[in-house]
N, C-alpha and C. Protein backbone atom coordinates (compact mmCIF):
# COMPACT_ATOMS: atom_id res chain seq x y z
N UNK A 1 -66.86 142.20 -15.41
CA UNK A 1 -66.02 142.71 -14.35
C UNK A 1 -66.63 142.37 -12.99
N UNK A 2 -67.93 142.56 -12.85
CA UNK A 2 -68.60 142.24 -11.60
C UNK A 2 -68.52 140.74 -11.35
N UNK A 3 -68.65 139.95 -12.43
CA UNK A 3 -68.55 138.50 -12.30
C UNK A 3 -67.18 138.10 -11.74
N UNK A 4 -66.13 138.70 -12.26
CA UNK A 4 -64.78 138.35 -11.83
C UNK A 4 -64.60 138.67 -10.35
N UNK A 5 -65.08 139.84 -9.92
CA UNK A 5 -64.95 140.24 -8.52
C UNK A 5 -65.70 139.27 -7.62
N UNK A 6 -66.89 138.88 -8.04
CA UNK A 6 -67.69 137.95 -7.24
C UNK A 6 -66.99 136.60 -7.13
N UNK A 7 -66.43 136.14 -8.22
CA UNK A 7 -65.73 134.85 -8.23
C UNK A 7 -64.53 134.90 -7.28
N UNK A 8 -63.81 136.01 -7.32
CA UNK A 8 -62.65 136.13 -6.47
C UNK A 8 -63.07 136.15 -5.01
N UNK A 9 -64.18 136.83 -4.71
CA UNK A 9 -64.64 136.93 -3.35
C UNK A 9 -65.13 135.58 -2.81
N UNK A 10 -65.79 134.82 -3.64
CA UNK A 10 -66.38 133.57 -3.17
C UNK A 10 -65.43 132.38 -3.29
N UNK A 11 -64.25 132.56 -3.81
CA UNK A 11 -63.30 131.46 -3.92
C UNK A 11 -63.79 130.37 -4.85
N UNK A 12 -63.94 130.70 -6.11
CA UNK A 12 -64.53 129.78 -7.08
C UNK A 12 -63.75 128.48 -7.22
N UNK A 13 -62.46 128.51 -6.96
CA UNK A 13 -61.66 127.30 -7.16
C UNK A 13 -62.11 126.17 -6.24
N UNK A 14 -62.84 126.46 -5.18
CA UNK A 14 -63.32 125.44 -4.26
C UNK A 14 -64.67 124.86 -4.68
N UNK A 15 -65.27 125.40 -5.73
CA UNK A 15 -66.61 124.98 -6.14
C UNK A 15 -66.56 123.83 -7.15
N UNK A 16 -67.60 122.98 -7.09
CA UNK A 16 -67.72 121.91 -8.08
C UNK A 16 -68.21 122.51 -9.39
N UNK A 17 -68.09 121.77 -10.50
CA UNK A 17 -68.56 122.30 -11.79
C UNK A 17 -70.04 122.70 -11.76
N UNK A 18 -70.86 121.91 -11.07
CA UNK A 18 -72.29 122.24 -10.99
C UNK A 18 -72.50 123.52 -10.19
N UNK A 19 -71.79 123.67 -9.11
CA UNK A 19 -71.92 124.88 -8.30
C UNK A 19 -71.45 126.11 -9.08
N UNK A 20 -70.42 125.93 -9.90
CA UNK A 20 -69.95 127.04 -10.74
C UNK A 20 -71.02 127.47 -11.73
N UNK A 21 -71.69 126.47 -12.36
CA UNK A 21 -72.76 126.79 -13.32
C UNK A 21 -73.90 127.53 -12.63
N UNK A 22 -74.27 127.07 -11.43
CA UNK A 22 -75.35 127.72 -10.70
C UNK A 22 -74.98 129.16 -10.36
N UNK A 23 -73.76 129.34 -9.91
CA UNK A 23 -73.28 130.68 -9.57
C UNK A 23 -73.26 131.59 -10.79
N UNK A 24 -72.79 131.06 -11.92
CA UNK A 24 -72.77 131.87 -13.15
C UNK A 24 -74.17 132.27 -13.57
N UNK A 25 -75.14 131.35 -13.47
CA UNK A 25 -76.52 131.68 -13.84
C UNK A 25 -77.08 132.77 -12.92
N UNK A 26 -76.78 132.64 -11.62
CA UNK A 26 -77.26 133.65 -10.67
C UNK A 26 -76.67 135.02 -10.98
N UNK A 27 -75.38 135.02 -11.27
CA UNK A 27 -74.72 136.30 -11.57
C UNK A 27 -75.27 136.91 -12.86
N UNK A 28 -75.51 136.07 -13.84
CA UNK A 28 -76.05 136.55 -15.10
C UNK A 28 -77.43 137.19 -14.87
N UNK A 29 -78.23 136.55 -14.04
CA UNK A 29 -79.55 137.07 -13.73
C UNK A 29 -79.46 138.41 -12.99
N UNK A 30 -78.54 138.49 -12.05
CA UNK A 30 -78.36 139.73 -11.29
C UNK A 30 -77.91 140.86 -12.22
N UNK A 31 -76.95 140.56 -13.11
CA UNK A 31 -76.46 141.57 -14.05
C UNK A 31 -77.57 142.04 -14.99
N UNK A 32 -78.40 141.12 -15.42
CA UNK A 32 -79.49 141.47 -16.31
C UNK A 32 -80.49 142.39 -15.60
N UNK A 33 -80.77 142.09 -14.34
CA UNK A 33 -81.67 142.93 -13.55
C UNK A 33 -81.09 144.34 -13.38
N UNK A 34 -79.79 144.38 -13.08
CA UNK A 34 -79.14 145.68 -12.91
C UNK A 34 -79.18 146.50 -14.19
N UNK A 35 -78.96 145.83 -15.32
CA UNK A 35 -79.00 146.52 -16.62
C UNK A 35 -80.39 147.06 -16.91
N UNK A 36 -81.40 146.24 -16.62
CA UNK A 36 -82.78 146.67 -16.82
C UNK A 36 -83.12 147.87 -15.94
N UNK A 37 -82.66 147.80 -14.69
CA UNK A 37 -82.91 148.88 -13.74
C UNK A 37 -82.26 150.17 -14.21
N UNK A 38 -81.03 150.05 -14.72
CA UNK A 38 -80.31 151.22 -15.22
C UNK A 38 -81.04 151.84 -16.42
N UNK A 39 -81.49 150.98 -17.35
CA UNK A 39 -82.24 151.49 -18.50
C UNK A 39 -83.51 152.18 -18.06
N UNK A 40 -84.16 151.63 -17.06
CA UNK A 40 -85.41 152.20 -16.57
C UNK A 40 -85.17 153.58 -15.95
N UNK A 41 -84.09 153.71 -15.18
CA UNK A 41 -83.79 155.01 -14.57
C UNK A 41 -83.38 156.04 -15.62
N UNK A 42 -82.79 155.57 -16.72
CA UNK A 42 -82.40 156.47 -17.80
C UNK A 42 -83.61 156.85 -18.68
N UNK A 43 -84.73 156.22 -18.43
CA UNK A 43 -85.95 156.53 -19.19
C UNK A 43 -86.11 155.72 -20.45
N UNK A 44 -85.25 154.75 -20.67
CA UNK A 44 -85.36 153.90 -21.86
C UNK A 44 -86.15 152.64 -21.49
N UNK A 45 -86.82 152.09 -22.49
CA UNK A 45 -87.57 150.86 -22.25
C UNK A 45 -87.00 149.74 -23.11
N UNK A 46 -87.12 148.55 -22.59
CA UNK A 46 -86.66 147.38 -23.33
C UNK A 46 -87.86 146.82 -24.08
N UNK A 47 -87.73 146.76 -25.41
CA UNK A 47 -88.83 146.24 -26.21
C UNK A 47 -88.72 144.73 -26.32
N UNK A 48 -89.84 144.08 -26.09
CA UNK A 48 -89.88 142.63 -26.23
C UNK A 48 -90.33 142.27 -27.62
N UNK A 49 -89.77 141.21 -28.13
CA UNK A 49 -90.18 140.74 -29.45
C UNK A 49 -91.59 140.19 -29.37
N UNK A 50 -92.46 140.69 -30.23
CA UNK A 50 -93.84 140.25 -30.23
C UNK A 50 -94.01 139.08 -31.19
N UNK A 51 -94.77 138.11 -30.75
CA UNK A 51 -95.05 136.96 -31.60
C UNK A 51 -96.03 137.37 -32.68
N UNK A 52 -95.85 136.84 -33.86
CA UNK A 52 -96.71 137.21 -34.98
C UNK A 52 -98.05 136.48 -34.94
N UNK A 53 -98.23 135.59 -33.99
CA UNK A 53 -99.46 134.85 -33.87
C UNK A 53 -99.24 133.61 -33.05
N UNK A 54 -100.26 132.80 -32.92
CA UNK A 54 -100.10 131.58 -32.13
C UNK A 54 -99.10 130.63 -32.79
N UNK A 55 -98.10 130.25 -32.05
CA UNK A 55 -97.03 129.41 -32.58
C UNK A 55 -97.36 127.93 -32.41
N UNK A 56 -97.88 127.56 -31.24
CA UNK A 56 -98.13 126.15 -30.93
C UNK A 56 -99.05 125.47 -31.94
N UNK A 57 -100.16 126.09 -32.34
CA UNK A 57 -101.03 125.42 -33.32
C UNK A 57 -100.30 125.12 -34.63
N UNK A 58 -99.54 126.08 -35.11
CA UNK A 58 -98.84 125.90 -36.38
C UNK A 58 -97.78 124.82 -36.25
N UNK A 59 -97.06 124.82 -35.13
CA UNK A 59 -96.03 123.80 -34.93
C UNK A 59 -96.64 122.41 -34.87
N UNK A 60 -97.78 122.29 -34.19
CA UNK A 60 -98.43 120.99 -34.07
C UNK A 60 -98.93 120.50 -35.43
N UNK A 61 -99.50 121.39 -36.21
CA UNK A 61 -99.99 121.01 -37.53
C UNK A 61 -98.84 120.69 -38.48
N UNK A 62 -97.74 121.42 -38.35
CA UNK A 62 -96.55 121.11 -39.15
C UNK A 62 -95.99 119.73 -38.76
N UNK A 63 -96.00 119.45 -37.48
CA UNK A 63 -95.56 118.14 -36.97
C UNK A 63 -96.40 117.02 -37.59
N UNK A 64 -97.70 117.23 -37.62
CA UNK A 64 -98.62 116.24 -38.19
C UNK A 64 -98.38 116.07 -39.69
N UNK A 65 -98.18 117.18 -40.39
CA UNK A 65 -97.91 117.13 -41.82
C UNK A 65 -96.60 116.39 -42.10
N UNK A 66 -95.59 116.66 -41.30
CA UNK A 66 -94.30 115.99 -41.46
C UNK A 66 -94.47 114.49 -41.23
N UNK A 67 -95.28 114.12 -40.23
CA UNK A 67 -95.54 112.69 -39.97
C UNK A 67 -96.16 112.03 -41.20
N UNK A 68 -97.10 112.73 -41.82
CA UNK A 68 -97.82 112.16 -42.95
C UNK A 68 -96.99 112.12 -44.23
N UNK A 69 -96.18 113.15 -44.45
CA UNK A 69 -95.52 113.29 -45.75
C UNK A 69 -94.04 112.92 -45.76
N UNK A 70 -93.40 112.92 -44.61
CA UNK A 70 -91.95 112.71 -44.60
C UNK A 70 -91.53 111.99 -43.32
N UNK A 71 -91.84 110.72 -43.22
CA UNK A 71 -91.57 109.95 -41.99
C UNK A 71 -90.09 109.86 -41.66
N UNK A 72 -89.22 109.93 -42.66
CA UNK A 72 -87.79 109.82 -42.36
C UNK A 72 -87.30 111.04 -41.60
N UNK A 73 -87.90 112.20 -41.85
CA UNK A 73 -87.52 113.43 -41.16
C UNK A 73 -88.31 113.63 -39.87
N UNK A 74 -89.44 112.95 -39.74
CA UNK A 74 -90.33 113.12 -38.59
C UNK A 74 -89.70 112.54 -37.33
N UNK A 75 -89.89 113.24 -36.23
CA UNK A 75 -89.40 112.76 -34.95
C UNK A 75 -90.52 112.98 -33.92
N UNK A 76 -90.78 111.97 -33.09
CA UNK A 76 -91.82 112.09 -32.08
C UNK A 76 -91.53 113.24 -31.14
N UNK A 77 -92.56 114.04 -30.89
CA UNK A 77 -92.45 115.15 -29.94
C UNK A 77 -93.69 115.13 -29.05
N UNK A 78 -93.47 114.85 -27.80
CA UNK A 78 -94.56 114.71 -26.83
C UNK A 78 -95.42 115.97 -26.75
N UNK A 79 -94.79 117.14 -26.75
CA UNK A 79 -95.56 118.38 -26.63
C UNK A 79 -96.49 118.59 -27.83
N UNK A 80 -96.02 118.24 -29.03
CA UNK A 80 -96.87 118.40 -30.22
C UNK A 80 -98.04 117.42 -30.18
N UNK A 81 -97.74 116.16 -29.78
CA UNK A 81 -98.81 115.18 -29.69
C UNK A 81 -99.83 115.60 -28.64
N UNK A 82 -99.36 116.09 -27.52
CA UNK A 82 -100.27 116.54 -26.46
C UNK A 82 -101.16 117.66 -26.96
N UNK A 83 -100.59 118.63 -27.67
CA UNK A 83 -101.39 119.72 -28.20
C UNK A 83 -102.46 119.17 -29.15
N UNK A 84 -102.06 118.28 -30.03
CA UNK A 84 -103.01 117.71 -30.98
C UNK A 84 -104.14 116.96 -30.27
N UNK A 85 -103.79 116.20 -29.24
CA UNK A 85 -104.81 115.45 -28.51
C UNK A 85 -105.75 116.37 -27.73
N UNK A 86 -105.25 117.49 -27.25
CA UNK A 86 -106.08 118.43 -26.50
C UNK A 86 -107.01 119.23 -27.41
N UNK A 87 -106.60 119.44 -28.65
CA UNK A 87 -107.36 120.32 -29.54
C UNK A 87 -108.00 119.61 -30.74
N UNK A 88 -107.92 118.31 -30.79
CA UNK A 88 -108.38 117.60 -31.99
C UNK A 88 -109.87 117.73 -32.25
N UNK A 89 -110.67 117.99 -31.25
CA UNK A 89 -112.11 118.11 -31.45
C UNK A 89 -112.52 119.53 -31.85
N UNK A 90 -111.58 120.45 -31.78
CA UNK A 90 -111.84 121.85 -32.13
C UNK A 90 -111.60 122.03 -33.63
N UNK A 91 -112.67 122.24 -34.37
CA UNK A 91 -112.56 122.33 -35.83
C UNK A 91 -111.92 123.64 -36.28
N UNK A 92 -111.76 124.61 -35.40
CA UNK A 92 -111.05 125.84 -35.75
C UNK A 92 -109.54 125.61 -35.63
N UNK A 93 -109.12 124.98 -34.53
CA UNK A 93 -107.70 124.73 -34.31
C UNK A 93 -107.15 123.65 -35.25
N UNK A 94 -107.95 122.61 -35.47
CA UNK A 94 -107.54 121.51 -36.36
C UNK A 94 -108.57 121.42 -37.49
N UNK A 95 -108.25 122.01 -38.64
CA UNK A 95 -109.19 122.00 -39.77
C UNK A 95 -109.51 120.58 -40.24
N UNK A 96 -110.62 120.44 -40.96
CA UNK A 96 -111.08 119.13 -41.42
C UNK A 96 -110.02 118.39 -42.24
N UNK A 97 -109.29 119.10 -43.10
CA UNK A 97 -108.30 118.43 -43.93
C UNK A 97 -107.15 117.86 -43.08
N UNK A 98 -106.85 118.50 -41.96
CA UNK A 98 -105.81 117.98 -41.06
C UNK A 98 -106.38 116.90 -40.14
N UNK A 99 -107.68 116.96 -39.88
CA UNK A 99 -108.29 115.97 -38.98
C UNK A 99 -108.21 114.57 -39.57
N UNK A 100 -108.37 114.45 -40.87
CA UNK A 100 -108.27 113.12 -41.48
C UNK A 100 -106.86 112.55 -41.32
N UNK A 101 -105.85 113.42 -41.41
CA UNK A 101 -104.46 112.99 -41.19
C UNK A 101 -104.28 112.64 -39.71
N UNK A 102 -104.90 113.43 -38.84
CA UNK A 102 -104.81 113.16 -37.41
C UNK A 102 -105.41 111.81 -37.06
N UNK A 103 -106.49 111.44 -37.71
CA UNK A 103 -107.08 110.12 -37.48
C UNK A 103 -106.09 109.01 -37.84
N UNK A 104 -105.37 109.18 -38.93
CA UNK A 104 -104.35 108.19 -39.30
C UNK A 104 -103.25 108.14 -38.24
N UNK A 105 -102.87 109.30 -37.75
CA UNK A 105 -101.84 109.38 -36.71
C UNK A 105 -102.32 108.66 -35.44
N UNK A 106 -103.60 108.82 -35.11
CA UNK A 106 -104.14 108.24 -33.89
C UNK A 106 -104.17 106.71 -33.92
N UNK A 107 -104.12 106.13 -35.10
CA UNK A 107 -104.11 104.67 -35.19
C UNK A 107 -102.93 104.08 -34.43
N UNK A 108 -101.84 104.80 -34.34
CA UNK A 108 -100.65 104.33 -33.65
C UNK A 108 -100.64 104.68 -32.17
N UNK A 109 -101.68 105.32 -31.68
CA UNK A 109 -101.73 105.74 -30.28
C UNK A 109 -101.85 104.54 -29.36
N UNK A 110 -101.09 104.55 -28.28
CA UNK A 110 -101.06 103.42 -27.34
C UNK A 110 -101.12 103.94 -25.90
N UNK A 111 -101.42 103.03 -24.99
CA UNK A 111 -101.31 103.31 -23.56
C UNK A 111 -102.28 104.33 -23.02
N UNK A 112 -101.77 105.11 -22.07
CA UNK A 112 -102.60 106.10 -21.37
C UNK A 112 -103.16 107.17 -22.28
N UNK A 113 -102.40 107.56 -23.28
CA UNK A 113 -102.88 108.57 -24.23
C UNK A 113 -104.11 108.08 -24.96
N UNK A 114 -104.08 106.83 -25.34
CA UNK A 114 -105.22 106.24 -26.05
C UNK A 114 -106.44 106.19 -25.13
N UNK A 115 -106.25 105.71 -23.91
CA UNK A 115 -107.37 105.61 -22.96
C UNK A 115 -107.97 106.98 -22.65
N UNK A 116 -107.12 107.96 -22.41
CA UNK A 116 -107.59 109.31 -22.11
C UNK A 116 -108.34 109.91 -23.29
N UNK A 117 -107.85 109.69 -24.48
CA UNK A 117 -108.48 110.21 -25.69
C UNK A 117 -109.87 109.61 -25.87
N UNK A 118 -110.00 108.31 -25.65
CA UNK A 118 -111.31 107.66 -25.78
C UNK A 118 -112.26 108.20 -24.72
N UNK A 119 -111.78 108.39 -23.50
CA UNK A 119 -112.64 108.91 -22.43
C UNK A 119 -113.12 110.33 -22.76
N UNK A 120 -112.23 111.18 -23.26
CA UNK A 120 -112.63 112.54 -23.65
C UNK A 120 -113.67 112.50 -24.75
N UNK A 121 -113.48 111.60 -25.70
CA UNK A 121 -114.42 111.48 -26.82
C UNK A 121 -115.79 111.02 -26.32
N UNK A 122 -115.82 110.07 -25.40
CA UNK A 122 -117.09 109.59 -24.84
C UNK A 122 -117.84 110.71 -24.12
N UNK A 123 -117.10 111.52 -23.38
CA UNK A 123 -117.72 112.66 -22.67
C UNK A 123 -118.33 113.63 -23.68
N UNK A 124 -117.63 113.91 -24.76
CA UNK A 124 -118.15 114.83 -25.78
C UNK A 124 -119.42 114.29 -26.43
N UNK A 125 -119.45 113.00 -26.67
CA UNK A 125 -120.65 112.40 -27.28
C UNK A 125 -121.83 112.51 -26.32
N UNK A 126 -121.58 112.28 -25.04
CA UNK A 126 -122.64 112.40 -24.04
C UNK A 126 -123.16 113.84 -23.97
N UNK A 127 -122.23 114.81 -24.00
CA UNK A 127 -122.63 116.22 -23.95
C UNK A 127 -123.45 116.61 -25.17
N UNK A 128 -123.17 116.00 -26.29
CA UNK A 128 -123.90 116.36 -27.52
C UNK A 128 -125.37 115.99 -27.41
N UNK A 129 -125.70 114.99 -26.62
CA UNK A 129 -127.10 114.61 -26.43
C UNK A 129 -127.87 115.65 -25.63
N UNK A 130 -127.17 116.43 -24.84
CA UNK A 130 -127.81 117.46 -24.02
C UNK A 130 -127.98 118.77 -24.77
N UNK A 131 -127.29 118.93 -25.88
CA UNK A 131 -127.39 120.17 -26.66
C UNK A 131 -127.53 119.84 -28.14
N UNK A 132 -128.67 119.24 -28.54
CA UNK A 132 -128.82 118.83 -29.94
C UNK A 132 -128.90 119.99 -30.93
N UNK A 133 -129.22 121.20 -30.45
CA UNK A 133 -129.35 122.34 -31.37
C UNK A 133 -128.04 123.11 -31.55
N UNK A 134 -127.04 122.85 -30.71
CA UNK A 134 -125.77 123.56 -30.79
C UNK A 134 -124.89 122.94 -31.87
N UNK A 135 -124.66 123.69 -32.93
CA UNK A 135 -123.91 123.19 -34.09
C UNK A 135 -122.46 122.84 -33.72
N UNK A 136 -121.81 123.68 -32.92
CA UNK A 136 -120.41 123.44 -32.53
C UNK A 136 -120.28 122.15 -31.73
N UNK A 137 -121.19 121.96 -30.79
CA UNK A 137 -121.17 120.75 -29.96
C UNK A 137 -121.36 119.52 -30.84
N UNK A 138 -122.25 119.61 -31.81
CA UNK A 138 -122.53 118.48 -32.69
C UNK A 138 -121.33 118.16 -33.59
N UNK A 139 -120.63 119.21 -34.04
CA UNK A 139 -119.44 118.97 -34.86
C UNK A 139 -118.34 118.29 -34.05
N UNK A 140 -118.15 118.75 -32.80
CA UNK A 140 -117.15 118.10 -31.93
C UNK A 140 -117.54 116.65 -31.65
N UNK A 141 -118.83 116.44 -31.45
CA UNK A 141 -119.32 115.08 -31.17
C UNK A 141 -119.11 114.17 -32.38
N UNK A 142 -119.27 114.73 -33.57
CA UNK A 142 -119.05 113.93 -34.78
C UNK A 142 -117.59 113.46 -34.84
N UNK A 143 -116.68 114.37 -34.55
CA UNK A 143 -115.26 114.01 -34.52
C UNK A 143 -115.00 112.98 -33.42
N UNK A 144 -115.65 113.20 -32.28
CA UNK A 144 -115.46 112.27 -31.16
C UNK A 144 -115.92 110.86 -31.52
N UNK A 145 -117.03 110.76 -32.24
CA UNK A 145 -117.52 109.44 -32.67
C UNK A 145 -116.52 108.76 -33.60
N UNK A 146 -115.92 109.54 -34.49
CA UNK A 146 -114.91 108.99 -35.39
C UNK A 146 -113.71 108.47 -34.60
N UNK A 147 -113.30 109.21 -33.58
CA UNK A 147 -112.16 108.80 -32.75
C UNK A 147 -112.50 107.53 -31.98
N UNK A 148 -113.69 107.49 -31.41
CA UNK A 148 -114.12 106.29 -30.66
C UNK A 148 -114.14 105.07 -31.57
N UNK A 149 -114.70 105.25 -32.75
CA UNK A 149 -114.77 104.13 -33.71
C UNK A 149 -113.37 103.64 -34.08
N UNK A 150 -112.45 104.57 -34.24
CA UNK A 150 -111.08 104.22 -34.62
C UNK A 150 -110.33 103.50 -33.50
N UNK A 151 -110.46 104.00 -32.28
CA UNK A 151 -109.63 103.52 -31.18
C UNK A 151 -110.26 102.38 -30.37
N UNK A 152 -111.54 102.12 -30.57
CA UNK A 152 -112.20 101.06 -29.78
C UNK A 152 -112.16 99.73 -30.47
């Protein structure tokens, strides 16, 4: 009802389709705010759906598994690849059994992603020389050496 009144007041027939969409989004946002405000004054709270855990890691690992096991269904997704490239040296985020699959995936890496990945790996190897007693650093460095060997 409020939407209709606003449209009548602003003369919607003179607006382009894009302007109409923008106006509708603005009105929807305003109505949602008003509804929230009303619930708050009535003493009710709006419950947000809680995530059952980290979603991105699971999605990225599922993406990798799909690449390995079902190429016909697999579709390139930049966000999943980016997550994998950012976390590939972390043995908690990417378990060893998935890392071997990730190495196969990296064989097809090209361009800037490949260059950046090699540079990150080189930095990790250099850092490992400064902390020879740190087990985590050494494990990341081991993965980094494998990546360097593969991509160089």
